[in-house]
Amino acid sequence: MASHHGGMVTALLALANNDMDAAANAYEGNEFTEQLQNAILADIQSVGQASENLILFLFLLRRSLPVSNPDCTN
């Protein structure tokens, strides 16, 4: 199922408020089905994995930069 990230945010907010109908309408415009729930969970996992990758990238980038002089203010 294709990801619709704009609708995903609205759907997740609706899910947080236990409004399953609003979540379904925001996400796909269908009933809140198990397939829809699985699609939302897959999107959450992919966003989580992307966040982990970004954090790792930033950590490695920071390690590769020269140590700055603490007496200097930029």
PDB file of N, CA and C in Angstrom:
ATOM      1  N   MET A   1       0.848  -1.180   0.000  1.00  0.00           N
ATOM      2  CA  MET A   1       0.000   0.000   0.000  1.00  0.00           C
ATOM      3  C   MET A   1       0.886   1.234   0.000  1.00  0.00           C
ATOM      4  N   ALA A   2       0.553   2.165  -0.836  1.00  0.00           N
ATOM      5  CA  ALA A   2       1.363   3.383  -0.941  1.00  0.00           C
ATOM      6  C   ALA A   2       1.246   4.211   0.327  1.00  0.00           C
ATOM      7  N   SER A   3       2.320   4.880   0.619  1.00  0.00           N
ATOM      8  CA  SER A   3       2.352   5.722   1.815  1.00  0.00           C
ATOM      9  C   SER A   3       1.841   7.111   1.480  1.00  0.00           C
ATOM     10  N   HIS A   4       1.012   7.664   2.350  1.00  0.00           N
ATOM     11  CA  HIS A   4       0.493   9.023   2.191  1.00  0.00           C
ATOM     12  C   HIS A   4       0.840   9.759   3.468  1.00  0.00           C
ATOM     13  N   HIS A   5       2.032  10.364   3.495  1.00  0.00           N
ATOM     14  CA  HIS A   5       2.556  10.886   4.752  1.00  0.00           C
ATOM     15  C   HIS A   5       1.761  12.057   5.303  1.00  0.00           C
ATOM     16  N   GLY A   6       1.195  12.911   4.453  1.00  0.00           N
ATOM     17  CA  GLY A   6       0.374  13.998   4.974  1.00  0.00           C
ATOM     18  C   GLY A   6      -0.841  13.459   5.699  1.00  0.00           C
ATOM     19  N   GLY A   7      -1.498  12.477   5.090  1.00  0.00           N
ATOM     20  CA  GLY A   7      -2.640  11.848   5.719  1.00  0.00           C
ATOM     21  C   GLY A   7      -2.251  11.028   6.926  1.00  0.00           C
ATOM     22  N   MET A   8      -1.027  10.511   6.922  1.00  0.00           N
ATOM     23  CA  MET A   8      -0.576   9.688   8.038  1.00  0.00           C
ATOM     24  C   MET A   8      -0.555  10.492   9.327  1.00  0.00           C
ATOM     25  N   VAL A   9      -0.066  11.724   9.257  1.00  0.00           N
ATOM     26  CA  VAL A   9       0.004  12.545  10.464  1.00  0.00           C
ATOM     27  C   VAL A   9      -1.392  12.783  11.014  1.00  0.00           C
ATOM     28  N   THR A  10      -2.322  13.144  10.143  1.00  0.00           N
ATOM     29  CA  THR A  10      -3.704  13.369  10.574  1.00  0.00           C
ATOM     30  C   THR A  10      -4.299  12.088  11.138  1.00  0.00           C
ATOM     31  N   ALA A  11      -4.001  10.969  10.476  1.00  0.00           N
ATOM     32  CA  ALA A  11      -4.519   9.685  10.941  1.00  0.00           C
ATOM     33  C   ALA A  11      -3.960   9.332  12.310  1.00  0.00           C
ATOM     34  N   LEU A  12      -2.676   9.579  12.517  1.00  0.00           N
ATOM     35  CA  LEU A  12      -2.073   9.262  13.812  1.00  0.00           C
ATOM     36  C   LEU A  12      -2.647  10.129  14.919  1.00  0.00           C
ATOM     37  N   LEU A  13      -2.910  11.398  14.611  1.00  0.00           N
ATOM     38  CA  LEU A  13      -3.546  12.265  15.608  1.00  0.00           C
ATOM     39  C   LEU A  13      -4.941  11.754  15.944  1.00  0.00           C
ATOM     40  N   ALA A  14      -5.667  11.323  14.933  1.00  0.00           N
ATOM     41  CA  ALA A  14      -7.001  10.778  15.176  1.00  0.00           C
ATOM     42  C   ALA A  14      -6.917   9.492  15.992  1.00  0.00           C
ATOM     43  N   LEU A  15      -5.925   8.653  15.686  1.00  0.00           N
ATOM     44  CA  LEU A  15      -5.747   7.422  16.457  1.00  0.00           C
ATOM     45  C   LEU A  15      -5.425   7.731  17.910  1.00  0.00           C
ATOM     46  N   ALA A  16      -4.619   8.760  18.127  1.00  0.00           N
ATOM     47  CA  ALA A  16      -4.272   9.144  19.498  1.00  0.00           C
ATOM     48  C   ALA A  16      -5.507   9.560  20.278  1.00  0.00           C
ATOM     49  N   ASN A  17      -6.509  10.072  19.552  1.00  0.00           N
ATOM     50  CA  ASN A  17      -7.764  10.476  20.191  1.00  0.00           C
ATOM     51  C   ASN A  17      -8.813   9.369  20.127  1.00  0.00           C
ATOM     52  N   ASN A  18      -8.393   8.156  19.746  1.00  0.00           N
ATOM     53  CA  ASN A  18      -9.289   6.997  19.632  1.00  0.00           C
ATOM     54  C   ASN A  18     -10.451   7.248  18.682  1.00  0.00           C
ATOM     55  N   ASP A  19     -10.219   8.033  17.644  1.00  0.00           N
ATOM     56  CA  ASP A  19     -11.255   8.304  16.644  1.00  0.00           C
ATOM     57  C   ASP A  19     -10.918   7.500  15.394  1.00  0.00           C
ATOM     58  N   MET A  20     -11.339   6.241  15.387  1.00  0.00           N
ATOM     59  CA  MET A  20     -10.969   5.334  14.309  1.00  0.00           C
ATOM     60  C   MET A  20     -11.541   5.768  12.961  1.00  0.00           C
ATOM     61  N   ASP A  21     -12.765   6.286  12.955  1.00  0.00           N
ATOM     62  CA  ASP A  21     -13.365   6.717  11.691  1.00  0.00           C
ATOM     63  C   ASP A  21     -12.590   7.884  11.089  1.00  0.00           C
ATOM     64  N   ALA A  22     -12.236   8.860  11.911  1.00  0.00           N
ATOM     65  CA  ALA A  22     -11.465  10.001  11.411  1.00  0.00           C
ATOM     66  C   ALA A  22     -10.093   9.551  10.938  1.00  0.00           C
ATOM     67  N   ALA A  23      -9.500   8.603  11.658  1.00  0.00           N
ATOM     68  CA  ALA A  23      -8.191   8.087  11.257  1.00  0.00           C
ATOM     69  C   ALA A  23      -8.272   7.432   9.885  1.00  0.00           C
ATOM     70  N   ALA A  24      -9.285   6.621   9.693  1.00  0.00           N
ATOM     71  CA  ALA A  24      -9.444   5.938   8.414  1.00  0.00           C
ATOM     72  C   ALA A  24      -9.700   6.929   7.288  1.00  0.00           C
ATOM     73  N   ASN A  25     -10.568   7.904   7.530  1.00  0.00           N
ATOM     74  CA  ASN A  25     -10.869   8.894   6.500  1.00  0.00           C
ATOM     75  C   ASN A  25      -9.643   9.716   6.146  1.00  0.00           C
ATOM     76  N   ALA A  26      -8.853  10.084   7.140  1.00  0.00           N
ATOM     77  CA  ALA A  26      -7.663  10.891   6.890  1.00  0.00           C
ATOM     78  C   ALA A  26      -6.606  10.093   6.148  1.00  0.00           C
ATOM     79  N   TYR A  27      -6.515   8.816   6.452  1.00  0.00           N
ATOM     80  CA  TYR A  27      -5.415   8.032   5.890  1.00  0.00           C
ATOM     81  C   TYR A  27      -5.706   7.535   4.484  1.00  0.00           C
ATOM     82  N   GLU A  28      -6.838   6.933   4.282  1.00  0.00           N
ATOM     83  CA  GLU A  28      -7.126   6.330   2.981  1.00  0.00           C
ATOM     84  C   GLU A  28      -8.533   6.614   2.468  1.00  0.00           C
ATOM     85  N   GLY A  29      -9.391   7.144   3.314  1.00  0.00           N
ATOM     86  CA  GLY A  29     -10.765   7.337   2.898  1.00  0.00           C
ATOM     87  C   GLY A  29     -11.570   6.048   2.909  1.00  0.00           C
ATOM     88  N   ASN A  30     -11.098   5.035   3.617  1.00  0.00           N
ATOM     89  CA  ASN A  30     -11.789   3.751   3.717  1.00  0.00           C
ATOM     90  C   ASN A  30     -12.111   3.456   5.167  1.00  0.00           C
ATOM     91  N   GLU A  31     -12.792   2.329   5.380  1.00  0.00           N
ATOM     92  CA  GLU A  31     -13.033   1.887   6.747  1.00  0.00           C
ATOM     93  C   GLU A  31     -11.699   1.598   7.420  1.00  0.00           C
ATOM     94  N   PHE A  32     -11.704   1.666   8.742  1.00  0.00           N
ATOM     95  CA  PHE A  32     -10.485   1.325   9.469  1.00  0.00           C
ATOM     96  C   PHE A  32     -10.395  -0.190   9.512  1.00  0.00           C
ATOM     97  N   THR A  33      -9.608  -0.755   8.622  1.00  0.00           N
ATOM     98  CA  THR A  33      -9.478  -2.201   8.506  1.00  0.00           C
ATOM     99  C   THR A  33      -8.114  -2.637   9.013  1.00  0.00           C
ATOM    100  N   GLU A  34      -7.948  -3.937   9.138  1.00  0.00           N
ATOM    101  CA  GLU A  34      -6.649  -4.467   9.562  1.00  0.00           C
ATOM    102  C   GLU A  34      -5.570  -4.103   8.546  1.00  0.00           C
ATOM    103  N   GLN A  35      -5.926  -4.126   7.266  1.00  0.00           N
ATOM    104  CA  GLN A  35      -4.966  -3.759   6.218  1.00  0.00           C
ATOM    105  C   GLN A  35      -4.522  -2.306   6.380  1.00  0.00           C
ATOM    106  N   LEU A  36      -5.469  -1.427   6.681  1.00  0.00           N
ATOM    107  CA  LEU A  36      -5.142  -0.016   6.894  1.00  0.00           C
ATOM    108  C   LEU A  36      -4.271   0.141   8.132  1.00  0.00           C
ATOM    109  N   GLN A  37      -4.627  -0.568   9.197  1.00  0.00           N
ATOM    110  CA  GLN A  37      -3.826  -0.502  10.421  1.00  0.00           C
ATOM    111  C   GLN A  37      -2.393  -0.954  10.142  1.00  0.00           C
ATOM    112  N   ASN A  38      -2.233  -2.027   9.383  1.00  0.00           N
ATOM    113  CA  ASN A  38      -0.895  -2.521   9.051  1.00  0.00           C
ATOM    114  C   ASN A  38      -0.122  -1.513   8.211  1.00  0.00           C
ATOM    115  N   ALA A  39      -0.815  -0.819   7.311  1.00  0.00           N
ATOM    116  CA  ALA A  39      -0.155   0.205   6.495  1.00  0.00           C
ATOM    117  C   ALA A  39       0.330   1.358   7.360  1.00  0.00           C
ATOM    118  N   ILE A  40      -0.490   1.765   8.322  1.00  0.00           N
ATOM    119  CA  ILE A  40      -0.096   2.846   9.227  1.00  0.00           C
ATOM    120  C   ILE A  40       1.112   2.410  10.053  1.00  0.00           C
ATOM    121  N   LEU A  41       1.068   1.190  10.579  1.00  0.00           N
ATOM    122  CA  LEU A  41       2.189   0.695  11.379  1.00  0.00           C
ATOM    123  C   LEU A  41       3.468   0.596  10.550  1.00  0.00           C
ATOM    124  N   ALA A  42       3.342   0.195   9.284  1.00  0.00           N
ATOM    125  CA  ALA A  42       4.519   0.125   8.413  1.00  0.00           C
ATOM    126  C   ALA A  42       5.106   1.511   8.199  1.00  0.00           C
ATOM    127  N   ASP A  43       4.241   2.519   8.034  1.00  0.00           N
ATOM    128  CA  ASP A  43       4.725   3.892   7.884  1.00  0.00           C
ATOM    129  C   ASP A  43       5.435   4.357   9.147  1.00  0.00           C
ATOM    130  N   ILE A  44       4.861   4.040  10.306  1.00  0.00           N
ATOM    131  CA  ILE A  44       5.485   4.436  11.572  1.00  0.00           C
ATOM    132  C   ILE A  44       6.869   3.800  11.677  1.00  0.00           C
ATOM    133  N   GLN A  45       6.970   2.520  11.316  1.00  0.00           N
ATOM    134  CA  GLN A  45       8.258   1.832  11.392  1.00  0.00           C
ATOM    135  C   GLN A  45       9.261   2.432  10.428  1.00  0.00           C
ATOM    136  N   SER A  46       8.811   2.793   9.208  1.00  0.00           N
ATOM    137  CA  SER A  46       9.752   3.363   8.240  1.00  0.00           C
ATOM    138  C   SER A  46      10.224   4.735   8.694  1.00  0.00           C
ATOM    139  N   VAL A  47       9.327   5.513   9.301  1.00  0.00           N
ATOM    140  CA  VAL A  47       9.728   6.819   9.830  1.00  0.00           C
ATOM    141  C   VAL A  47      10.709   6.627  10.976  1.00  0.00           C
ATOM    142  N   GLY A  48      10.451   5.652  11.841  1.00  0.00           N
ATOM    143  CA  GLY A  48      11.361   5.362  12.944  1.00  0.00           C
ATOM    144  C   GLY A  48      12.731   4.940  12.447  1.00  0.00           C
ATOM    145  N   GLN A  49      12.766   4.092  11.424  1.00  0.00           N
ATOM    146  CA  GLN A  49      14.051   3.652  10.870  1.00  0.00           C
ATOM    147  C   GLN A  49      14.785   4.829  10.249  1.00  0.00           C
ATOM    148  N   ALA A  50      14.080   5.701   9.546  1.00  0.00           N
ATOM    149  CA  ALA A  50      14.716   6.877   8.952  1.00  0.00           C
ATOM    150  C   ALA A  50      15.294   7.775  10.040  1.00  0.00           C
ATOM    151  N   SER A  51      14.588   7.909  11.153  1.00  0.00           N
ATOM    152  CA  SER A  51      15.085   8.728  12.263  1.00  0.00           C
ATOM    153  C   SER A  51      16.359   8.135  12.846  1.00  0.00           C
ATOM    154  N   GLU A  52      16.374   6.821  13.026  1.00  0.00           N
ATOM    155  CA  GLU A  52      17.573   6.161  13.544  1.00  0.00           C
ATOM    156  C   GLU A  52      18.749   6.366  12.599  1.00  0.00           C
ATOM    157  N   ASN A  53      18.492   6.245  11.298  1.00  0.00           N
ATOM    158  CA  ASN A  53      19.557   6.432  10.317  1.00  0.00           C
ATOM    159  C   ASN A  53      20.076   7.860  10.344  1.00  0.00           C
ATOM    160  N   LEU A  54      19.188   8.827  10.496  1.00  0.00           N
ATOM    161  CA  LEU A  54      19.598  10.226  10.552  1.00  0.00           C
ATOM    162  C   LEU A  54      20.450  10.490  11.788  1.00  0.00           C
ATOM    163  N   ILE A  55      20.033   9.959  12.925  1.00  0.00           N
ATOM    164  CA  ILE A  55      20.802  10.146  14.161  1.00  0.00           C
ATOM    165  C   ILE A  55      22.197   9.537  14.009  1.00  0.00           C
ATOM    166  N   LEU A  56      22.272   8.343  13.446  1.00  0.00           N
ATOM    167  CA  LEU A  56      23.570   7.703  13.232  1.00  0.00           C
ATOM    168  C   LEU A  56      24.430   8.533  12.283  1.00  0.00           C
ATOM    169  N   PHE A  57      23.829   9.013  11.197  1.00  0.00           N
ATOM    170  CA  PHE A  57      24.565   9.842  10.242  1.00  0.00           C
ATOM    171  C   PHE A  57      25.113  11.095  10.913  1.00  0.00           C
ATOM    172  N   LEU A  58      24.286  11.771  11.698  1.00  0.00           N
ATOM    173  CA  LEU A  58      24.738  12.995  12.370  1.00  0.00           C
ATOM    174  C   LEU A  58      25.843  12.697  13.379  1.00  0.00           C
ATOM    175  N   PHE A  59      25.720  11.583  14.080  1.00  0.00           N
ATOM    176  CA  PHE A  59      26.759  11.189  15.032  1.00  0.00           C
ATOM    177  C   PHE A  59      28.087  10.952  14.311  1.00  0.00           C
ATOM    178  N   LEU A  60      28.037  10.212  13.206  1.00  0.00           N
ATOM    179  CA  LEU A  60      29.262   9.932  12.454  1.00  0.00           C
ATOM    180  C   LEU A  60      29.825  11.203  11.826  1.00  0.00           C
ATOM    181  N   LEU A  61      28.946  12.078  11.361  1.00  0.00           N
ATOM    182  CA  LEU A  61      29.390  13.348  10.798  1.00  0.00           C
ATOM    183  C   LEU A  61      30.105  14.172  11.853  1.00  0.00           C
ATOM    184  N   ARG A  62      29.544  14.234  13.031  1.00  0.00           N
ATOM    185  CA  ARG A  62      30.147  15.010  14.121  1.00  0.00           C
ATOM    186  C   ARG A  62      31.515  14.446  14.486  1.00  0.00           C
ATOM    187  N   ARG A  63      31.636  13.128  14.494  1.00  0.00           N
ATOM    188  CA  ARG A  63      32.924  12.504  14.818  1.00  0.00           C
ATOM    189  C   ARG A  63      33.970  12.793  13.756  1.00  0.00           C
ATOM    190  N   SER A  64      33.528  13.008  12.515  1.00  0.00           N
ATOM    191  CA  SER A  64      34.481  13.243  11.431  1.00  0.00           C
ATOM    192  C   SER A  64      34.936  14.699  11.353  1.00  0.00           C
ATOM    193  N   LEU A  65      34.231  15.595  12.027  1.00  0.00           N
ATOM    194  CA  LEU A  65      34.601  17.009  11.998  1.00  0.00           C
ATOM    195  C   LEU A  65      35.738  17.271  12.974  1.00  0.00           C
ATOM    196  N   PRO A  66      36.587  18.248  12.662  1.00  0.00           N
ATOM    197  CA  PRO A  66      37.663  18.570  13.601  1.00  0.00           C
ATOM    198  C   PRO A  66      37.097  19.124  14.903  1.00  0.00           C
ATOM    199  N   VAL A  67      37.801  18.863  15.978  1.00  0.00           N
ATOM    200  CA  VAL A  67      37.374  19.365  17.281  1.00  0.00           C
ATOM    201  C   VAL A  67      37.578  20.872  17.292  1.00  0.00           C
ATOM    202  N   SER A  68      36.550  21.588  17.670  1.00  0.00           N
ATOM    203  CA  SER A  68      36.665  23.044  17.685  1.00  0.00           C
ATOM    204  C   SER A  68      37.326  23.507  18.978  1.00  0.00           C
ATOM    205  N   ASN A  69      37.907  24.663  18.918  1.00  0.00           N
ATOM    206  CA  ASN A  69      38.558  25.263  20.080  1.00  0.00           C
ATOM    207  C   ASN A  69      37.475  25.829  20.988  1.00  0.00           C
ATOM    208  N   PRO A  70      37.368  25.366  22.235  1.00  0.00           N
ATOM    209  CA  PRO A  70      36.297  25.853  23.115  1.00  0.00           C
ATOM    210  C   PRO A  70      36.422  27.337  23.441  1.00  0.00           C
ATOM    211  N   ASP A  71      37.604  27.934  23.224  1.00  0.00           N
ATOM    212  CA  ASP A  71      37.773  29.360  23.496  1.00  0.00           C
ATOM    213  C   ASP A  71      37.221  30.227  22.374  1.00  0.00           C
ATOM    214  N   CYS A  72      36.986  29.626  21.221  1.00  0.00           N
ATOM    215  CA  CYS A  72      36.464  30.392  20.084  1.00  0.00           C
ATOM    216  C   CYS A  72      34.945  30.413  20.137  1.00  0.00           C
ATOM    217  N   THR A  73      34.383  31.543  19.835  1.00  0.00           N
ATOM    218  CA  THR A  73      32.928  31.632  19.719  1.00  0.00           C
ATOM    219  C   THR A  73      32.604  31.908  18.270  1.00  0.00           C
ATOM    220  N   ASN A  74      31.694  31.123  17.741  1.00  0.00           N
ATOM    221  CA  ASN A  74      31.327  31.271  16.330  1.00  0.00           C
ATOM    222  C   ASN A  74      30.040  32.015  16.198  1.00  0.00           C
TER     223      ASN A  74
END
